[in-house]
Amino acid sequence: MRTRSLAVAAVLGIVGSIALATPAVAAEGSNCWGVVSSQAARSDGGLGAHASSFDEPRLGIGNVARLFNVEGPGGLGTLLASIDGNDATHC
């Protein structure tokens, strides 16, 4: 279980950004990426560096969502919340 949490945290750190002001519960049709990343940052103490802070290119949130066959950043947030093993993340 710890390995899965670390893998999810790595994905969040690689493609992540910290949402500054997001509601704790998403309204229908809202972007779950911001909600879940904010919840993860509060419960785990942060997400890591933004993709733009690295010298080499990164995939980006949208491309990672496509790799997991989900629709956009919101779909990726929902997926990660369902597999991260963190009860504090949901959308």
PDB file of N, CA and C in Angstrom:
ATOM      1  N   MET A   1       0.835  -1.186   0.000  1.00  0.00           N
ATOM      2  CA  MET A   1       0.000   0.000   0.000  1.00  0.00           C
ATOM      3  C   MET A   1       0.877   1.245   0.000  1.00  0.00           C
ATOM      4  N   ARG A   2       1.966   1.226   0.753  1.00  0.00           N
ATOM      5  CA  ARG A   2       2.884   2.370   0.820  1.00  0.00           C
ATOM      6  C   ARG A   2       3.506   2.633  -0.550  1.00  0.00           C
ATOM      7  N   THR A   3       3.830   1.560  -1.298  1.00  0.00           N
ATOM      8  CA  THR A   3       4.412   1.717  -2.624  1.00  0.00           C
ATOM      9  C   THR A   3       3.437   2.408  -3.560  1.00  0.00           C
ATOM     10  N   ARG A   4       2.174   2.040  -3.498  1.00  0.00           N
ATOM     11  CA  ARG A   4       1.166   2.671  -4.347  1.00  0.00           C
ATOM     12  C   ARG A   4       1.036   4.147  -4.009  1.00  0.00           C
ATOM     13  N   SER A   5       1.022   4.467  -2.718  1.00  0.00           N
ATOM     14  CA  SER A   5       0.933   5.873  -2.297  1.00  0.00           C
ATOM     15  C   SER A   5       2.139   6.662  -2.788  1.00  0.00           C
ATOM     16  N   LEU A   6       3.316   6.058  -2.716  1.00  0.00           N
ATOM     17  CA  LEU A   6       4.510   6.741  -3.204  1.00  0.00           C
ATOM     18  C   LEU A   6       4.456   6.938  -4.711  1.00  0.00           C
ATOM     19  N   ALA A   7       3.944   5.933  -5.437  1.00  0.00           N
ATOM     20  CA  ALA A   7       3.831   6.056  -6.893  1.00  0.00           C
ATOM     21  C   ALA A   7       2.861   7.165  -7.265  1.00  0.00           C
ATOM     22  N   VAL A   8       1.743   7.231  -6.581  1.00  0.00           N
ATOM     23  CA  VAL A   8       0.762   8.296  -6.848  1.00  0.00           C
ATOM     24  C   VAL A   8       1.368   9.650  -6.504  1.00  0.00           C
ATOM     25  N   ALA A   9       2.076   9.719  -5.389  1.00  0.00           N
ATOM     26  CA  ALA A   9       2.717  10.981  -5.014  1.00  0.00           C
ATOM     27  C   ALA A   9       3.750  11.397  -6.060  1.00  0.00           C
ATOM     28  N   ALA A  10       4.467  10.418  -6.617  1.00  0.00           N
ATOM     29  CA  ALA A  10       5.444  10.730  -7.666  1.00  0.00           C
ATOM     30  C   ALA A  10       4.756  11.283  -8.900  1.00  0.00           C
ATOM     31  N   VAL A  11       3.642  10.657  -9.302  1.00  0.00           N
ATOM     32  CA  VAL A  11       2.896  11.165 -10.461  1.00  0.00           C
ATOM     33  C   VAL A  11       2.419  12.579 -10.189  1.00  0.00           C
ATOM     34  N   LEU A  12       1.873  12.801  -9.005  1.00  0.00           N
ATOM     35  CA  LEU A  12       1.420  14.145  -8.654  1.00  0.00           C
ATOM     36  C   LEU A  12       2.573  15.135  -8.663  1.00  0.00           C
ATOM     37  N   GLY A  13       3.719  14.723  -8.150  1.00  0.00           N
ATOM     38  CA  GLY A  13       4.871  15.608  -8.107  1.00  0.00           C
ATOM     39  C   GLY A  13       5.419  15.932  -9.482  1.00  0.00           C
ATOM     40  N   ILE A  14       5.426  14.939 -10.364  1.00  0.00           N
ATOM     41  CA  ILE A  14       5.951  15.141 -11.709  1.00  0.00           C
ATOM     42  C   ILE A  14       5.067  16.065 -12.511  1.00  0.00           C
ATOM     43  N   VAL A  15       3.776  15.830 -12.481  1.00  0.00           N
ATOM     44  CA  VAL A  15       2.869  16.611 -13.321  1.00  0.00           C
ATOM     45  C   VAL A  15       2.131  17.686 -12.554  1.00  0.00           C
ATOM     46  N   GLY A  16       2.407  17.747 -11.258  1.00  0.00           N
ATOM     47  CA  GLY A  16       1.543  18.526 -10.382  1.00  0.00           C
ATOM     48  C   GLY A  16       1.762  20.013 -10.300  1.00  0.00           C
ATOM     49  N   SER A  17       0.755  20.577  -9.771  1.00  0.00           N
ATOM     50  CA  SER A  17       0.786  21.960  -9.333  1.00  0.00           C
ATOM     51  C   SER A  17      -0.092  22.033  -8.105  1.00  0.00           C
ATOM     52  N   ILE A  18       0.187  22.943  -7.240  1.00  0.00           N
ATOM     53  CA  ILE A  18      -0.622  23.059  -6.026  1.00  0.00           C
ATOM     54  C   ILE A  18      -1.742  24.048  -6.288  1.00  0.00           C
ATOM     55  N   ALA A  19      -2.951  23.587  -6.092  1.00  0.00           N
ATOM     56  CA  ALA A  19      -4.101  24.469  -6.268  1.00  0.00           C
ATOM     57  C   ALA A  19      -4.161  25.429  -5.083  1.00  0.00           C
ATOM     58  N   LEU A  20      -4.242  26.707  -5.356  1.00  0.00           N
ATOM     59  CA  LEU A  20      -4.191  27.697  -4.287  1.00  0.00           C
ATOM     60  C   LEU A  20      -5.504  27.845  -3.549  1.00  0.00           C
ATOM     61  N   ALA A  21      -6.586  27.876  -4.278  1.00  0.00           N
ATOM     62  CA  ALA A  21      -7.877  28.087  -3.618  1.00  0.00           C
ATOM     63  C   ALA A  21      -8.927  27.243  -4.318  1.00  0.00           C
ATOM     64  N   THR A  22      -9.178  26.055  -3.788  1.00  0.00           N
ATOM     65  CA  THR A  22     -10.191  25.182  -4.357  1.00  0.00           C
ATOM     66  C   THR A  22     -11.139  24.756  -3.258  1.00  0.00           C
ATOM     67  N   PRO A  23     -12.391  24.528  -3.608  1.00  0.00           N
ATOM     68  CA  PRO A  23     -13.332  24.067  -2.588  1.00  0.00           C
ATOM     69  C   PRO A  23     -13.015  22.647  -2.150  1.00  0.00           C
ATOM     70  N   ALA A  24     -13.409  22.294  -0.948  1.00  0.00           N
ATOM     71  CA  ALA A  24     -13.147  20.956  -0.436  1.00  0.00           C
ATOM     72  C   ALA A  24     -13.979  19.911  -1.169  1.00  0.00           C
ATOM     73  N   VAL A  25     -15.129  20.296  -1.646  1.00  0.00           N
ATOM     74  CA  VAL A  25     -15.987  19.375  -2.382  1.00  0.00           C
ATOM     75  C   VAL A  25     -16.261  19.980  -3.744  1.00  0.00           C
ATOM     76  N   ALA A  26     -16.092  19.174  -4.781  1.00  0.00           N
ATOM     77  CA  ALA A  26     -16.264  19.690  -6.137  1.00  0.00           C
ATOM     78  C   ALA A  26     -17.736  19.751  -6.502  1.00  0.00           C
ATOM     79  N   ALA A  27     -18.108  20.811  -7.185  1.00  0.00           N
ATOM     80  CA  ALA A  27     -19.450  20.904  -7.746  1.00  0.00           C
ATOM     81  C   ALA A  27     -19.492  20.076  -9.020  1.00  0.00           C
ATOM     82  N   GLU A  28     -20.675  19.647  -9.389  1.00  0.00           N
ATOM     83  CA  GLU A  28     -20.823  18.840 -10.593  1.00  0.00           C
ATOM     84  C   GLU A  28     -20.212  19.564 -11.797  1.00  0.00           C
ATOM     85  N   GLY A  29     -19.383  18.851 -12.558  1.00  0.00           N
ATOM     86  CA  GLY A  29     -18.761  19.421 -13.741  1.00  0.00           C
ATOM     87  C   GLY A  29     -17.496  20.207 -13.459  1.00  0.00           C
ATOM     88  N   SER A  30     -17.045  20.256 -12.205  1.00  0.00           N
ATOM     89  CA  SER A  30     -15.844  21.022 -11.891  1.00  0.00           C
ATOM     90  C   SER A  30     -14.597  20.180 -12.124  1.00  0.00           C
ATOM     91  N   ASN A  31     -13.466  20.810 -11.988  1.00  0.00           N
ATOM     92  CA  ASN A  31     -12.199  20.148 -12.248  1.00  0.00           C
ATOM     93  C   ASN A  31     -11.691  19.450 -10.992  1.00  0.00           C
ATOM     94  N   CYS A  32     -11.745  18.140 -10.998  1.00  0.00           N
ATOM     95  CA  CYS A  32     -11.313  17.362  -9.836  1.00  0.00           C
ATOM     96  C   CYS A  32      -9.806  17.417  -9.625  1.00  0.00           C
ATOM     97  N   TRP A  33      -9.031  17.807 -10.634  1.00  0.00           N
ATOM     98  CA  TRP A  33      -7.580  17.899 -10.443  1.00  0.00           C
ATOM     99  C   TRP A  33      -7.263  18.903  -9.337  1.00  0.00           C
ATOM    100  N   GLY A  34      -7.839  20.090  -9.411  1.00  0.00           N
ATOM    101  CA  GLY A  34      -7.579  21.113  -8.412  1.00  0.00           C
ATOM    102  C   GLY A  34      -8.053  20.705  -7.031  1.00  0.00           C
ATOM    103  N   VAL A  35      -9.211  20.084  -6.962  1.00  0.00           N
ATOM    104  CA  VAL A  35      -9.763  19.647  -5.679  1.00  0.00           C
ATOM    105  C   VAL A  35      -8.873  18.581  -5.053  1.00  0.00           C
ATOM    106  N   VAL A  36      -8.536  17.551  -5.823  1.00  0.00           N
ATOM    107  CA  VAL A  36      -7.756  16.433  -5.289  1.00  0.00           C
ATOM    108  C   VAL A  36      -6.324  16.861  -4.976  1.00  0.00           C
ATOM    109  N   SER A  37      -5.704  17.676  -5.828  1.00  0.00           N
ATOM    110  CA  SER A  37      -4.334  18.099  -5.543  1.00  0.00           C
ATOM    111  C   SER A  37      -4.287  18.984  -4.301  1.00  0.00           C
ATOM    112  N   SER A  38      -5.295  19.805  -4.100  1.00  0.00           N
ATOM    113  CA  SER A  38      -5.368  20.634  -2.895  1.00  0.00           C
ATOM    114  C   SER A  38      -5.540  19.769  -1.653  1.00  0.00           C
ATOM    115  N   GLN A  39      -6.428  18.783  -1.732  1.00  0.00           N
ATOM    116  CA  GLN A  39      -6.638  17.875  -0.598  1.00  0.00           C
ATOM    117  C   GLN A  39      -5.356  17.110  -0.280  1.00  0.00           C
ATOM    118  N   ALA A  40      -4.670  16.627  -1.315  1.00  0.00           N
ATOM    119  CA  ALA A  40      -3.424  15.877  -1.114  1.00  0.00           C
ATOM    120  C   ALA A  40      -2.357  16.773  -0.498  1.00  0.00           C
ATOM    121  N   ALA A  41      -2.268  18.014  -0.968  1.00  0.00           N
ATOM    122  CA  ALA A  41      -1.272  18.937  -0.426  1.00  0.00           C
ATOM    123  C   ALA A  41      -1.519  19.204   1.054  1.00  0.00           C
ATOM    124  N   ARG A  42      -2.781  19.379   1.430  1.00  0.00           N
ATOM    125  CA  ARG A  42      -3.108  19.630   2.841  1.00  0.00           C
ATOM    126  C   ARG A  42      -2.839  18.396   3.700  1.00  0.00           C
ATOM    127  N   SER A  43      -3.198  17.221   3.212  1.00  0.00           N
ATOM    128  CA  SER A  43      -3.065  16.027   4.053  1.00  0.00           C
ATOM    129  C   SER A  43      -1.652  15.451   4.055  1.00  0.00           C
ATOM    130  N   ASP A  44      -0.911  15.609   2.954  1.00  0.00           N
ATOM    131  CA  ASP A  44       0.428  15.025   2.845  1.00  0.00           C
ATOM    132  C   ASP A  44       1.544  16.050   2.996  1.00  0.00           C
ATOM    133  N   GLY A  45       1.192  17.326   3.064  1.00  0.00           N
ATOM    134  CA  GLY A  45       2.200  18.354   3.271  1.00  0.00           C
ATOM    135  C   GLY A  45       2.840  18.882   2.002  1.00  0.00           C
ATOM    136  N   GLY A  46       2.272  18.648   0.850  1.00  0.00           N
ATOM    137  CA  GLY A  46       2.819  19.188  -0.396  1.00  0.00           C
ATOM    138  C   GLY A  46       2.839  18.168  -1.506  1.00  0.00           C
ATOM    139  N   LEU A  47       3.136  18.619  -2.697  1.00  0.00           N
ATOM    140  CA  LEU A  47       3.113  17.739  -3.858  1.00  0.00           C
ATOM    141  C   LEU A  47       4.437  17.653  -4.586  1.00  0.00           C
ATOM    142  N   GLY A  48       5.311  18.582  -4.402  1.00  0.00           N
ATOM    143  CA  GLY A  48       6.559  18.585  -5.151  1.00  0.00           C
ATOM    144  C   GLY A  48       6.633  19.787  -6.062  1.00  0.00           C
ATOM    145  N   ALA A  49       7.603  19.763  -6.955  1.00  0.00           N
ATOM    146  CA  ALA A  49       7.851  20.900  -7.834  1.00  0.00           C
ATOM    147  C   ALA A  49       6.941  20.887  -9.053  1.00  0.00           C
ATOM    148  N   HIS A  50       6.644  22.059  -9.557  1.00  0.00           N
ATOM    149  CA  HIS A  50       5.861  22.197 -10.787  1.00  0.00           C
ATOM    150  C   HIS A  50       6.710  21.703 -11.955  1.00  0.00           C
ATOM    151  N   ALA A  51       6.071  21.141 -12.960  1.00  0.00           N
ATOM    152  CA  ALA A  51       6.777  20.586 -14.115  1.00  0.00           C
ATOM    153  C   ALA A  51       7.683  21.615 -14.782  1.00  0.00           C
ATOM    154  N   SER A  52       7.328  22.882 -14.745  1.00  0.00           N
ATOM    155  CA  SER A  52       8.134  23.909 -15.403  1.00  0.00           C
ATOM    156  C   SER A  52       9.452  24.187 -14.681  1.00  0.00           C
ATOM    157  N   SER A  53       9.631  23.660 -13.481  1.00  0.00           N
ATOM    158  CA  SER A  53      10.852  23.929 -12.729  1.00  0.00           C
ATOM    159  C   SER A  53      12.005  22.977 -13.075  1.00  0.00           C
ATOM    160  N   PHE A  54      11.780  22.030 -13.976  1.00  0.00           N
ATOM    161  CA  PHE A  54      12.800  21.073 -14.363  1.00  0.00           C
ATOM    162  C   PHE A  54      13.461  21.491 -15.670  1.00  0.00           C
ATOM    163  N   ASP A  55      14.727  21.130 -15.846  1.00  0.00           N
ATOM    164  CA  ASP A  55      15.447  21.454 -17.083  1.00  0.00           C
ATOM    165  C   ASP A  55      14.926  20.662 -18.275  1.00  0.00           C
ATOM    166  N   GLU A  56      14.609  19.392 -18.053  1.00  0.00           N
ATOM    167  CA  GLU A  56      14.122  18.554 -19.142  1.00  0.00           C
ATOM    168  C   GLU A  56      12.594  18.600 -19.213  1.00  0.00           C
ATOM    169  N   PRO A  57      12.036  18.398 -20.401  1.00  0.00           N
ATOM    170  CA  PRO A  57      10.578  18.471 -20.562  1.00  0.00           C
ATOM    171  C   PRO A  57       9.848  17.405 -19.748  1.00  0.00           C
ATOM    172  N   ARG A  58       8.643  17.717 -19.343  1.00  0.00           N
ATOM    173  CA  ARG A  58       7.755  16.791 -18.642  1.00  0.00           C
ATOM    174  C   ARG A  58       6.509  16.588 -19.492  1.00  0.00           C
ATOM    175  N   LEU A  59       5.771  15.535 -19.188  1.00  0.00           N
ATOM    176  CA  LEU A  59       4.575  15.221 -19.972  1.00  0.00           C
ATOM    177  C   LEU A  59       3.467  16.256 -19.815  1.00  0.00           C
ATOM    178  N   GLY A  60       3.237  16.712 -18.634  1.00  0.00           N
ATOM    179  CA  GLY A  60       2.133  17.618 -18.371  1.00  0.00           C
ATOM    180  C   GLY A  60       0.891  16.839 -17.969  1.00  0.00           C
ATOM    181  N   ILE A  61      -0.004  17.508 -17.263  1.00  0.00           N
ATOM    182  CA  ILE A  61      -1.192  16.865 -16.698  1.00  0.00           C
ATOM    183  C   ILE A  61      -2.091  16.278 -17.780  1.00  0.00           C
ATOM    184  N   GLY A  62      -2.346  17.037 -18.829  1.00  0.00           N
ATOM    185  CA  GLY A  62      -3.221  16.556 -19.900  1.00  0.00           C
ATOM    186  C   GLY A  62      -2.687  15.305 -20.585  1.00  0.00           C
ATOM    187  N   ASN A  63      -1.380  15.267 -20.843  1.00  0.00           N
ATOM    188  CA  ASN A  63      -0.785  14.096 -21.486  1.00  0.00           C
ATOM    189  C   ASN A  63      -0.781  12.882 -20.573  1.00  0.00           C
ATOM    190  N   VAL A  64      -0.562  13.092 -19.290  1.00  0.00           N
ATOM    191  CA  VAL A  64      -0.619  11.973 -18.344  1.00  0.00           C
ATOM    192  C   VAL A  64      -2.049  11.440 -18.270  1.00  0.00           C
ATOM    193  N   ALA A  65      -3.035  12.326 -18.300  1.00  0.00           N
ATOM    194  CA  ALA A  65      -4.438  11.889 -18.316  1.00  0.00           C
ATOM    195  C   ALA A  65      -4.691  10.983 -19.523  1.00  0.00           C
ATOM    196  N   ARG A  66      -4.176  11.360 -20.687  1.00  0.00           N
ATOM    197  CA  ARG A  66      -4.348  10.526 -21.886  1.00  0.00           C
ATOM    198  C   ARG A  66      -3.694   9.155 -21.716  1.00  0.00           C
ATOM    199  N   LEU A  67      -2.515   9.123 -21.062  1.00  0.00           N
ATOM    200  CA  LEU A  67      -1.833   7.845 -20.822  1.00  0.00           C
ATOM    201  C   LEU A  67      -2.695   6.900 -19.991  1.00  0.00           C
ATOM    202  N   PHE A  68      -3.465   7.467 -19.072  1.00  0.00           N
ATOM    203  CA  PHE A  68      -4.343   6.661 -18.217  1.00  0.00           C
ATOM    204  C   PHE A  68      -5.741   6.523 -18.804  1.00  0.00           C
ATOM    205  N   ASN A  69      -5.926   7.032 -20.017  1.00  0.00           N
ATOM    206  CA  ASN A  69      -7.195   6.924 -20.734  1.00  0.00           C
ATOM    207  C   ASN A  69      -8.360   7.534 -19.946  1.00  0.00           C
ATOM    208  N   VAL A  70      -8.105   8.705 -19.362  1.00  0.00           N
ATOM    209  CA  VAL A  70      -9.151   9.455 -18.679  1.00  0.00           C
ATOM    210  C   VAL A  70      -9.285  10.805 -19.357  1.00  0.00           C
ATOM    211  N   GLU A  71     -10.398  11.470 -19.116  1.00  0.00           N
ATOM    212  CA  GLU A  71     -10.678  12.731 -19.793  1.00  0.00           C
ATOM    213  C   GLU A  71     -10.110  13.923 -19.023  1.00  0.00           C
ATOM    214  N   GLY A  72      -9.000  14.438 -19.480  1.00  0.00           N
ATOM    215  CA  GLY A  72      -8.414  15.663 -18.974  1.00  0.00           C
ATOM    216  C   GLY A  72      -7.946  15.609 -17.534  1.00  0.00           C
ATOM    217  N   PRO A  73      -7.498  16.768 -17.032  1.00  0.00           N
ATOM    218  CA  PRO A  73      -6.992  16.846 -15.665  1.00  0.00           C
ATOM    219  C   PRO A  73      -8.026  16.433 -14.611  1.00  0.00           C
ATOM    220  N   GLY A  74      -9.292  16.771 -14.832  1.00  0.00           N
ATOM    221  CA  GLY A  74     -10.329  16.383 -13.872  1.00  0.00           C
ATOM    222  C   GLY A  74     -10.447  14.878 -13.739  1.00  0.00           C
ATOM    223  N   GLY A  75     -10.396  14.184 -14.875  1.00  0.00           N
ATOM    224  CA  GLY A  75     -10.441  12.723 -14.857  1.00  0.00           C
ATOM    225  C   GLY A  75      -9.225  12.131 -14.171  1.00  0.00           C
ATOM    226  N   LEU A  76      -8.063  12.761 -14.380  1.00  0.00           N
ATOM    227  CA  LEU A  76      -6.846  12.290 -13.724  1.00  0.00           C
ATOM    228  C   LEU A  76      -6.944  12.485 -12.214  1.00  0.00           C
ATOM    229  N   GLY A  77      -7.479  13.620 -11.781  1.00  0.00           N
ATOM    230  CA  GLY A  77      -7.667  13.853 -10.350  1.00  0.00           C
ATOM    231  C   GLY A  77      -8.577  12.812  -9.724  1.00  0.00           C
ATOM    232  N   THR A  78      -9.679  12.508 -10.409  1.00  0.00           N
ATOM    233  CA  THR A  78     -10.616  11.494  -9.915  1.00  0.00           C
ATOM    234  C   THR A  78      -9.937  10.133  -9.825  1.00  0.00           C
ATOM    235  N   LEU A  79      -9.189   9.766 -10.867  1.00  0.00           N
ATOM    236  CA  LEU A  79      -8.480   8.481 -10.880  1.00  0.00           C
ATOM    237  C   LEU A  79      -7.473   8.409  -9.734  1.00  0.00           C
ATOM    238  N   LEU A  80      -6.643   9.432  -9.598  1.00  0.00           N
ATOM    239  CA  LEU A  80      -5.625   9.404  -8.553  1.00  0.00           C
ATOM    240  C   LEU A  80      -6.237   9.356  -7.160  1.00  0.00           C
ATOM    241  N   ALA A  81      -7.344  10.071  -6.955  1.00  0.00           N
ATOM    242  CA  ALA A  81      -8.007  10.027  -5.652  1.00  0.00           C
ATOM    243  C   ALA A  81      -8.532   8.630  -5.344  1.00  0.00           C
ATOM    244  N   SER A  82      -8.907   7.893  -6.384  1.00  0.00           N
ATOM    245  CA  SER A  82      -9.453   6.557  -6.161  1.00  0.00           C
ATOM    246  C   SER A  82      -8.372   5.506  -5.903  1.00  0.00           C
ATOM    247  N   ILE A  83      -7.106   5.788  -6.249  1.00  0.00           N
ATOM    248  CA  ILE A  83      -6.049   4.780  -6.084  1.00  0.00           C
ATOM    249  C   ILE A  83      -4.943   5.187  -5.127  1.00  0.00           C
ATOM    250  N   ASP A  84      -4.997   6.390  -4.569  1.00  0.00           N
ATOM    251  CA  ASP A  84      -3.870   6.862  -3.766  1.00  0.00           C
ATOM    252  C   ASP A  84      -3.847   6.339  -2.332  1.00  0.00           C
ATOM    253  N   GLY A  85      -4.906   5.685  -1.891  1.00  0.00           N
ATOM    254  CA  GLY A  85      -4.923   5.150  -0.532  1.00  0.00           C
ATOM    255  C   GLY A  85      -5.040   6.219   0.542  1.00  0.00           C
ATOM    256  N   ASN A  86      -5.399   7.449   0.135  1.00  0.00           N
ATOM    257  CA  ASN A  86      -5.518   8.565   1.062  1.00  0.00           C
ATOM    258  C   ASN A  86      -6.997   8.885   1.246  1.00  0.00           C
ATOM    259  N   ASP A  87      -7.515   8.667   2.441  1.00  0.00           N
ATOM    260  CA  ASP A  87      -8.936   8.930   2.709  1.00  0.00           C
ATOM    261  C   ASP A  87      -9.303  10.411   2.596  1.00  0.00           C
ATOM    262  N   ALA A  88      -8.294  11.287   2.628  1.00  0.00           N
ATOM    263  CA  ALA A  88      -8.556  12.726   2.557  1.00  0.00           C
ATOM    264  C   ALA A  88      -8.809  13.215   1.123  1.00  0.00           C
ATOM    265  N   THR A  89      -8.504  12.383   0.121  1.00  0.00           N
ATOM    266  CA  THR A  89      -8.690  12.811  -1.273  1.00  0.00           C
ATOM    267  C   THR A  89      -9.904  12.138  -1.870  1.00  0.00           C
ATOM    268  N   HIS A  90     -10.770  12.961  -2.472  1.00  0.00           N
ATOM    269  CA  HIS A  90     -11.971  12.466  -3.137  1.00  0.00           C
ATOM    270  C   HIS A  90     -12.538  13.578  -3.992  1.00  0.00           C
ATOM    271  N   CYS A  91     -13.289  13.193  -5.014  1.00  0.00           N
ATOM    272  CA  CYS A  91     -13.942  14.191  -5.844  1.00  0.00           C
ATOM    273  C   CYS A  91     -15.123  13.537  -6.549  1.00  0.00           C
TER     274      CYS A  91
END
